[in-house]
């Protein structure tokens, strides 16, 4: 209890979230488990009827999990990139598509590098050489052949439950994962932005930044998502000015564009030297034109970091978030 008291005294944000989580857990004792976003499963199969049947069957055995499915080629690629999921069940063979399961797994490892994959195929011997590459990279949770549902569903349930029970995260990681998953998967556009900003605030609080202002308007009436006071007693950050300007873009399907960069760069320039480091958090991709524009602006003394899904998950799962953030800065600013 002494350790918990010390931990929460330094992390009031997580204390509030933890107490809310604990209150809900107590009130739900004896009731049906609530689905949690950090236990999310994405089923990918080009046969829509089979995907639907598997989804319905697994939902009865994994009733505390959120289960999503995709069968059309465009929908598969969209959900792989835009949704949060802990486990992906991927059928390798896709007869009439330009992509196959290997293409999908490549996208998963870019968009959601901490997700685990259950590979499904009736032709394992044919694909084993290529499958071994993904196994060696730590992405594969299991390999399974399609069977009758009454046999297959219990097997998959055992695999998935075993993974979730073994991979019990410390509560800080679990809370941050829940915030990120809920924000990324929120369908309401208005809520989506606010929820993602709340998540990013949580990350900075975990790193030790205390004073954070949200939705700030400067003298030119430009709105800045977050302004983080750079008051850490840390020599590494002392070179980055009094404030960090933070842009939060929760638009998985659109990404961060050249126009977004130009507008954000102008906001930092208008700070009159109070900030020379901007940080972009995005659930989408960074468009190539952004990097080209950044090169043109690089001599003006302003640096902008880009943190997508991969970097965000690195921060959530690292044992020392501040050191990991420094590592990301070194990789991009050096």
Protein backbone atom coordinates (compact mmCIF):
# COMPACT_ATOMS: atom_id res chain seq x y z
CA UNK A 1 0.00 0.00 0.00
CA UNK A 2 2.91 2.40 0.74
CA UNK A 3 4.25 1.80 -2.79
CA UNK A 4 0.82 2.43 -4.33
CA UNK A 5 0.43 5.63 -2.28
CA UNK A 6 3.78 6.96 -3.49
CA UNK A 7 3.02 5.97 -7.09
CA UNK A 8 -0.39 7.63 -7.18
CA UNK A 9 0.83 10.75 -5.37
CA UNK A 10 3.09 11.34 -8.39
CA UNK A 11 0.41 10.36 -10.92
CA UNK A 12 -2.88 12.04 -9.98
CA UNK A 13 -4.23 11.54 -13.49
CA UNK A 14 -3.85 7.77 -13.24
CA UNK A 15 -5.17 7.78 -9.67
CA UNK A 16 -8.45 9.25 -10.91
CA UNK A 17 -8.62 6.71 -13.73
CA UNK A 18 -7.70 3.83 -11.44
CA UNK A 19 -10.33 4.74 -8.83
CA UNK A 20 -12.96 5.01 -11.57
CA UNK A 21 -11.85 1.62 -12.89
CA UNK A 22 -11.93 0.12 -9.36
CA UNK A 23 -15.39 1.56 -8.60
CA UNK A 24 -16.78 0.06 -11.81
CA UNK A 25 -15.15 -3.30 -11.06
CA UNK A 26 -16.75 -3.45 -7.59
CA UNK A 27 -20.18 -2.40 -8.86
CA UNK A 28 -20.04 -5.06 -11.59
CA UNK A 29 -19.21 -7.98 -9.28
CA UNK A 30 -21.55 -10.84 -10.01
CA UNK A 31 -22.69 -9.23 -13.26
CA UNK A 32 -21.87 -10.09 -16.83
CA UNK A 33 -18.32 -8.89 -17.68
CA UNK A 34 -18.15 -5.61 -19.53
CA UNK A 35 -16.44 -5.59 -22.91
CA UNK A 36 -13.10 -3.79 -22.75
CA UNK A 37 -11.44 -2.16 -25.75
CA UNK A 38 -7.97 -3.34 -24.77
CA UNK A 39 -9.29 -6.89 -25.27
CA UNK A 40 -10.22 -6.39 -28.91
CA UNK A 41 -10.17 -9.00 -31.66
CA UNK A 42 -10.17 -8.34 -35.40
CA UNK A 43 -11.26 -11.22 -37.65
CA UNK A 44 -10.08 -11.01 -41.26
CA UNK A 45 -11.51 -13.45 -43.78
CA UNK A 46 -12.50 -12.84 -47.40
CA UNK A 47 -15.49 -15.15 -46.88
CA UNK A 48 -18.00 -12.87 -45.19
CA UNK A 49 -20.34 -15.63 -44.04
CA UNK A 50 -17.48 -17.50 -42.35
CA UNK A 51 -16.20 -14.35 -40.68
CA UNK A 52 -19.68 -13.55 -39.39
CA UNK A 53 -20.23 -17.07 -38.02
CA UNK A 54 -16.84 -17.11 -36.30
CA UNK A 55 -17.42 -13.65 -34.82
CA UNK A 56 -20.81 -14.63 -33.39
CA UNK A 57 -19.48 -17.89 -31.97
CA UNK A 58 -16.43 -16.28 -30.32
CA UNK A 59 -18.56 -13.52 -28.82
CA UNK A 60 -20.41 -16.14 -26.78
CA UNK A 61 -17.21 -17.63 -25.34
CA UNK A 62 -15.23 -14.37 -25.03
CA UNK A 63 -17.99 -12.11 -23.78
CA UNK A 64 -15.62 -9.56 -22.22
CA UNK A 65 -13.92 -8.94 -25.59
CA UNK A 66 -14.83 -6.54 -28.37
CA UNK A 67 -14.90 -8.46 -31.66
CA UNK A 68 -14.82 -6.81 -35.07
CA UNK A 69 -14.63 -8.42 -38.53
CA UNK A 70 -13.68 -7.40 -42.06
CA UNK A 71 -14.17 -9.24 -45.36
CA UNK A 72 -14.16 -6.75 -48.22
CA UNK A 73 -10.68 -5.77 -49.43
CA UNK A 74 -11.10 -2.05 -48.73
CA UNK A 75 -12.70 -2.69 -45.34
CA UNK A 76 -9.86 -5.04 -44.35
CA UNK A 77 -7.18 -2.44 -45.05
CA UNK A 78 -9.19 0.33 -43.40
CA UNK A 79 -9.82 -1.57 -40.17
CA UNK A 80 -6.27 -2.89 -39.93
CA UNK A 81 -5.01 0.71 -39.99
CA UNK A 82 -7.76 2.63 -38.18
CA UNK A 83 -8.96 0.32 -35.40
CA UNK A 84 -7.31 -0.77 -32.16
CA UNK A 85 -7.12 -4.54 -31.63
CA UNK A 86 -5.06 -6.81 -29.38
CA UNK A 87 -5.40 -9.96 -31.48
CA UNK A 88 -5.97 -10.37 -35.22
CA UNK A 89 -7.23 -13.64 -36.71
CA UNK A 90 -5.99 -13.60 -40.31
CA UNK A 91 -6.93 -16.01 -43.09
CA UNK A 92 -3.95 -16.20 -45.46
CA UNK A 93 -5.67 -17.08 -48.71
CA UNK A 94 -7.84 -14.42 -50.36
CA UNK A 95 -8.85 -15.66 -53.77
CA UNK A 96 -10.13 -12.63 -55.66
CA UNK A 97 -8.25 -9.80 -53.96
CA UNK A 98 -5.05 -7.96 -54.85
CA UNK A 99 -3.86 -8.63 -51.30
CA UNK A 100 -3.41 -11.78 -49.26
CA UNK A 101 -2.95 -12.55 -45.59
CA UNK A 102 0.77 -11.79 -45.74
CA UNK A 103 0.07 -8.28 -47.01
CA UNK A 104 -2.42 -7.84 -44.19
CA UNK A 105 0.10 -9.04 -41.58
CA UNK A 106 2.68 -6.59 -42.91
CA UNK A 107 0.19 -3.75 -42.43
CA UNK A 108 -0.68 -4.99 -38.92
CA UNK A 109 2.97 -4.95 -37.88
CA UNK A 110 3.28 -1.34 -39.05
CA UNK A 111 -0.04 0.02 -37.75
CA UNK A 112 -0.30 -2.01 -34.54
CA UNK A 113 3.10 -3.56 -33.75
CA UNK A 114 2.06 -4.94 -30.34
CA UNK A 115 -0.91 -6.88 -31.71
CA UNK A 116 -0.63 -10.66 -31.89
CA UNK A 117 -1.71 -12.62 -34.95
CA UNK A 118 -3.45 -15.99 -35.21
CA UNK A 119 -2.69 -17.27 -38.70
CA UNK A 120 -5.44 -19.31 -40.32
CA UNK A 121 -4.97 -21.47 -43.41
CA UNK A 122 -5.84 -24.86 -44.82
CA UNK A 123 -2.52 -24.90 -46.68
CA UNK A 124 0.08 -24.60 -43.92
CA UNK A 125 2.77 -26.71 -45.62
CA UNK A 126 2.59 -24.47 -48.68
CA UNK A 127 3.16 -21.30 -46.66
CA UNK A 128 5.38 -22.47 -43.80
CA UNK A 129 8.61 -20.89 -45.07
CA UNK A 130 7.01 -17.45 -45.24
CA UNK A 131 5.11 -17.97 -41.97
CA UNK A 132 8.39 -18.70 -40.18
CA UNK A 133 9.57 -15.16 -40.95
CA UNK A 134 6.64 -13.72 -38.98
CA UNK A 135 7.15 -16.19 -36.14
CA UNK A 136 10.79 -15.09 -35.81
CA UNK A 137 9.64 -11.46 -35.55
CA UNK A 138 7.42 -12.30 -32.57
CA UNK A 139 4.14 -11.39 -34.26
CA UNK A 140 2.46 -14.80 -34.29
CA UNK A 141 0.38 -15.97 -31.34
CA UNK A 142 -0.71 -19.24 -32.96
CA UNK A 143 -1.23 -21.07 -36.24
CA UNK A 144 -4.61 -22.71 -36.77
CA UNK A 145 -6.45 -24.60 -39.46
CA UNK A 146 -10.13 -24.01 -40.09
CA UNK A 147 -12.38 -26.66 -38.58
CA UNK A 148 -16.03 -27.09 -37.74
CA UNK A 149 -16.99 -24.32 -35.34
CA UNK A 150 -17.89 -26.66 -32.50
CA UNK A 151 -14.26 -27.84 -32.49
CA UNK A 152 -12.48 -24.70 -33.66
CA UNK A 153 -14.09 -22.09 -31.40
CA UNK A 154 -13.04 -23.81 -28.12
CA UNK A 155 -9.47 -24.06 -29.48
CA UNK A 156 -9.35 -20.37 -30.42
CA UNK A 157 -10.96 -19.39 -27.12
CA UNK A 158 -8.32 -21.26 -25.17
CA UNK A 159 -5.51 -19.59 -27.16
CA UNK A 160 -6.93 -16.08 -26.77
CA UNK A 161 -7.86 -16.42 -23.09
CA UNK A 162 -4.40 -17.83 -22.40
CA UNK A 163 -2.80 -14.82 -24.06
CA UNK A 164 -4.91 -12.25 -22.21
CA UNK A 165 -4.49 -13.95 -18.83
CA UNK A 166 -0.75 -14.34 -19.28
CA UNK A 167 -0.31 -10.82 -20.56
CA UNK A 168 -1.86 -9.06 -17.58
CA UNK A 169 -0.56 -5.51 -17.83
CA UNK A 170 0.27 -3.34 -14.80
CA UNK A 171 -2.69 -1.08 -14.16
CA UNK A 172 -0.91 2.00 -15.57
CA UNK A 173 -0.37 0.30 -18.93
CA UNK A 174 -3.89 -1.10 -18.92
CA UNK A 175 -5.43 2.31 -18.24
CA UNK A 176 -3.40 3.97 -21.01
CA UNK A 177 -4.26 1.15 -23.43
CA UNK A 178 -7.94 1.55 -22.59
CA UNK A 179 -7.78 5.31 -23.17
CA UNK A 180 -6.00 4.85 -26.50
CA UNK A 181 -8.29 2.05 -27.68
CA UNK A 182 -11.47 3.91 -26.73
CA UNK A 183 -10.27 7.10 -28.43
CA UNK A 184 -9.17 5.40 -31.64
CA UNK A 185 -12.34 3.31 -31.95
CA UNK A 186 -14.81 6.07 -30.96
CA UNK A 187 -17.23 6.64 -33.88
CA UNK A 188 -18.40 10.10 -32.75
CA UNK A 189 -16.13 12.70 -34.36
CA UNK A 190 -16.62 15.32 -31.65
CA UNK A 191 -15.83 12.90 -28.83
CA UNK A 192 -12.98 11.33 -30.76
CA UNK A 193 -10.74 14.41 -30.60
CA UNK A 194 -11.37 15.10 -26.91
CA UNK A 195 -10.74 11.48 -25.92
CA UNK A 196 -7.45 11.37 -27.82
CA UNK A 197 -6.28 14.60 -26.21
CA UNK A 198 -7.11 13.15 -22.78
CA UNK A 199 -5.01 10.11 -23.63
CA UNK A 200 -2.04 12.24 -24.75
CA UNK A 201 -2.31 14.29 -21.54
CA UNK A 202 -2.02 10.97 -19.68
CA UNK A 203 1.20 10.14 -21.52
CA UNK A 204 2.81 13.48 -20.63
CA UNK A 205 1.70 13.18 -17.01
CA UNK A 206 3.32 9.74 -16.87
CA UNK A 207 6.55 11.29 -18.14
CA UNK A 208 6.51 13.83 -15.31
CA UNK A 209 5.13 16.93 -17.07
CA UNK A 210 2.66 18.50 -14.64
CA UNK A 211 1.40 21.75 -16.18
CA UNK A 212 -0.59 21.06 -19.34
CA UNK A 213 -3.12 23.43 -20.93
CA UNK A 214 -5.71 22.16 -23.41
CA UNK A 215 -7.35 23.90 -26.38
CA UNK A 216 -5.34 27.11 -25.96
CA UNK A 217 -5.81 30.11 -28.29
CA UNK A 218 -2.80 32.30 -29.01
CA UNK A 219 -2.87 36.04 -29.79
CA UNK A 220 -3.67 35.29 -33.43
CA UNK A 221 -6.65 33.15 -32.34
CA UNK A 222 -4.92 29.94 -33.44
CA UNK A 223 -6.06 27.00 -31.34
CA UNK A 224 -3.31 24.74 -30.00
CA UNK A 225 -4.46 21.33 -28.78
CA UNK A 226 -2.02 21.07 -25.85
CA UNK A 227 0.68 23.33 -24.43
CA UNK A 228 3.03 21.47 -22.09
CA UNK A 229 5.19 23.55 -19.77
CA UNK A 230 8.75 22.31 -20.12
CA UNK A 231 9.67 22.52 -16.43
CA UNK A 232 11.35 19.15 -15.98
CA UNK A 233 14.66 19.30 -14.16
CA UNK A 234 16.29 17.54 -17.09
CA UNK A 235 19.25 18.78 -19.13
CA UNK A 236 18.00 16.97 -22.24
CA UNK A 237 14.78 19.03 -22.44
CA UNK A 238 16.32 22.35 -21.40
CA UNK A 239 17.31 23.08 -25.02
CA UNK A 240 13.71 22.95 -26.29
CA UNK A 241 12.28 26.20 -24.92
CA UNK A 242 9.74 26.91 -22.19
CA UNK A 243 6.86 25.03 -23.78
CA UNK A 244 6.15 22.04 -25.98
CA UNK A 245 3.34 22.57 -28.48
CA UNK A 246 1.34 19.40 -29.10
CA UNK A 247 -1.03 18.62 -31.97
CA UNK A 248 -3.41 15.67 -31.55
CA UNK A 249 -4.91 14.21 -34.73
CA UNK A 250 -7.28 11.30 -34.19
CA UNK A 251 -8.11 10.75 -37.86
CA UNK A 252 -6.86 7.24 -38.71
CA UNK A 253 -8.25 7.35 -42.25
CA UNK A 254 -6.85 10.81 -43.17
CA UNK A 255 -3.47 11.01 -41.48
CA UNK A 256 -1.39 14.17 -41.02
CA UNK A 257 -1.10 16.29 -44.17
CA UNK A 258 1.21 18.99 -45.53
CA UNK A 259 -1.41 21.64 -44.75
CA UNK A 260 -1.63 20.35 -41.16
CA UNK A 261 2.15 20.71 -40.90
CA UNK A 262 2.20 24.26 -42.31
CA UNK A 263 -0.52 25.41 -39.90
CA UNK A 264 1.15 23.78 -36.89
CA UNK A 265 4.55 25.20 -37.85
CA UNK A 266 3.04 28.70 -37.99
CA UNK A 267 1.59 28.27 -34.49
CA UNK A 268 5.03 27.39 -33.12
CA UNK A 269 6.67 30.27 -35.00
CA UNK A 270 4.14 32.66 -33.47
CA UNK A 271 5.31 31.73 -29.96
CA UNK A 272 8.23 34.20 -30.26
CA UNK A 273 10.81 31.65 -29.14
CA UNK A 274 8.83 30.26 -26.18
CA UNK A 275 8.66 26.97 -28.08
CA UNK A 276 10.93 25.41 -30.68
CA UNK A 277 9.71 21.82 -30.38
CA UNK A 278 6.34 20.65 -31.65
CA UNK A 279 4.98 17.14 -31.15
CA UNK A 280 2.37 15.57 -33.41
CA UNK A 281 0.43 12.60 -32.06
CA UNK A 282 -1.61 10.90 -34.76
CA UNK A 283 -3.59 7.67 -35.04
CA UNK A 284 -3.13 7.86 -38.82
CA UNK A 285 -0.13 8.04 -41.12
CA UNK A 286 2.24 10.91 -41.87
CA UNK A 287 2.01 11.86 -45.54
CA UNK A 288 5.26 12.00 -47.52
CA UNK A 289 4.66 15.63 -48.43
CA UNK A 290 4.97 16.49 -44.72
CA UNK A 291 8.58 15.29 -44.58
CA UNK A 292 9.43 17.21 -47.75
CA UNK A 293 7.93 20.40 -46.35
CA UNK A 294 9.74 19.84 -43.04
CA UNK A 295 13.07 19.68 -44.90
CA UNK A 296 12.34 23.05 -46.52
CA UNK A 297 11.56 24.59 -43.13
CA UNK A 298 14.39 22.88 -41.22
CA UNK A 299 16.70 25.93 -41.11
CA UNK A 300 14.25 28.01 -39.07
CA UNK A 301 15.22 26.34 -35.79
CA UNK A 302 11.88 24.62 -35.17
CA UNK A 303 11.74 20.85 -34.79
CA UNK A 304 8.55 18.80 -35.07
CA UNK A 305 8.27 15.19 -33.91
CA UNK A 306 5.80 12.71 -35.38
CA UNK A 307 4.38 9.96 -33.20
CA UNK A 308 2.11 7.47 -34.95
CA UNK A 309 0.65 4.20 -33.69
CA UNK A 310 4.03 2.48 -33.48
CA UNK A 311 5.63 5.21 -31.36
CA UNK A 312 2.51 5.54 -29.20
CA UNK A 313 2.56 1.82 -28.38
CA UNK A 314 6.29 2.06 -27.62
CA UNK A 315 5.52 4.73 -25.04
CA UNK A 316 2.67 2.75 -23.47
CA UNK A 317 4.69 -0.45 -23.07
CA UNK A 318 8.10 0.88 -22.10
CA UNK A 319 9.25 0.57 -18.47
CA UNK A 320 10.58 4.17 -18.63
CA UNK A 321 8.38 6.42 -20.73
CA UNK A 322 10.52 9.55 -20.45
CA UNK A 323 13.66 7.73 -21.63
CA UNK A 324 11.70 6.21 -24.52
CA UNK A 325 10.41 9.66 -25.49
CA UNK A 326 14.01 10.93 -25.51
CA UNK A 327 14.98 8.01 -27.74
CA UNK A 328 12.23 8.93 -30.22
CA UNK A 329 13.40 12.55 -30.18
CA UNK A 330 17.00 11.44 -30.85
CA UNK A 331 15.88 9.28 -33.77
CA UNK A 332 13.96 12.11 -35.44
CA UNK A 333 15.83 15.26 -34.52
CA UNK A 334 19.45 14.08 -34.77
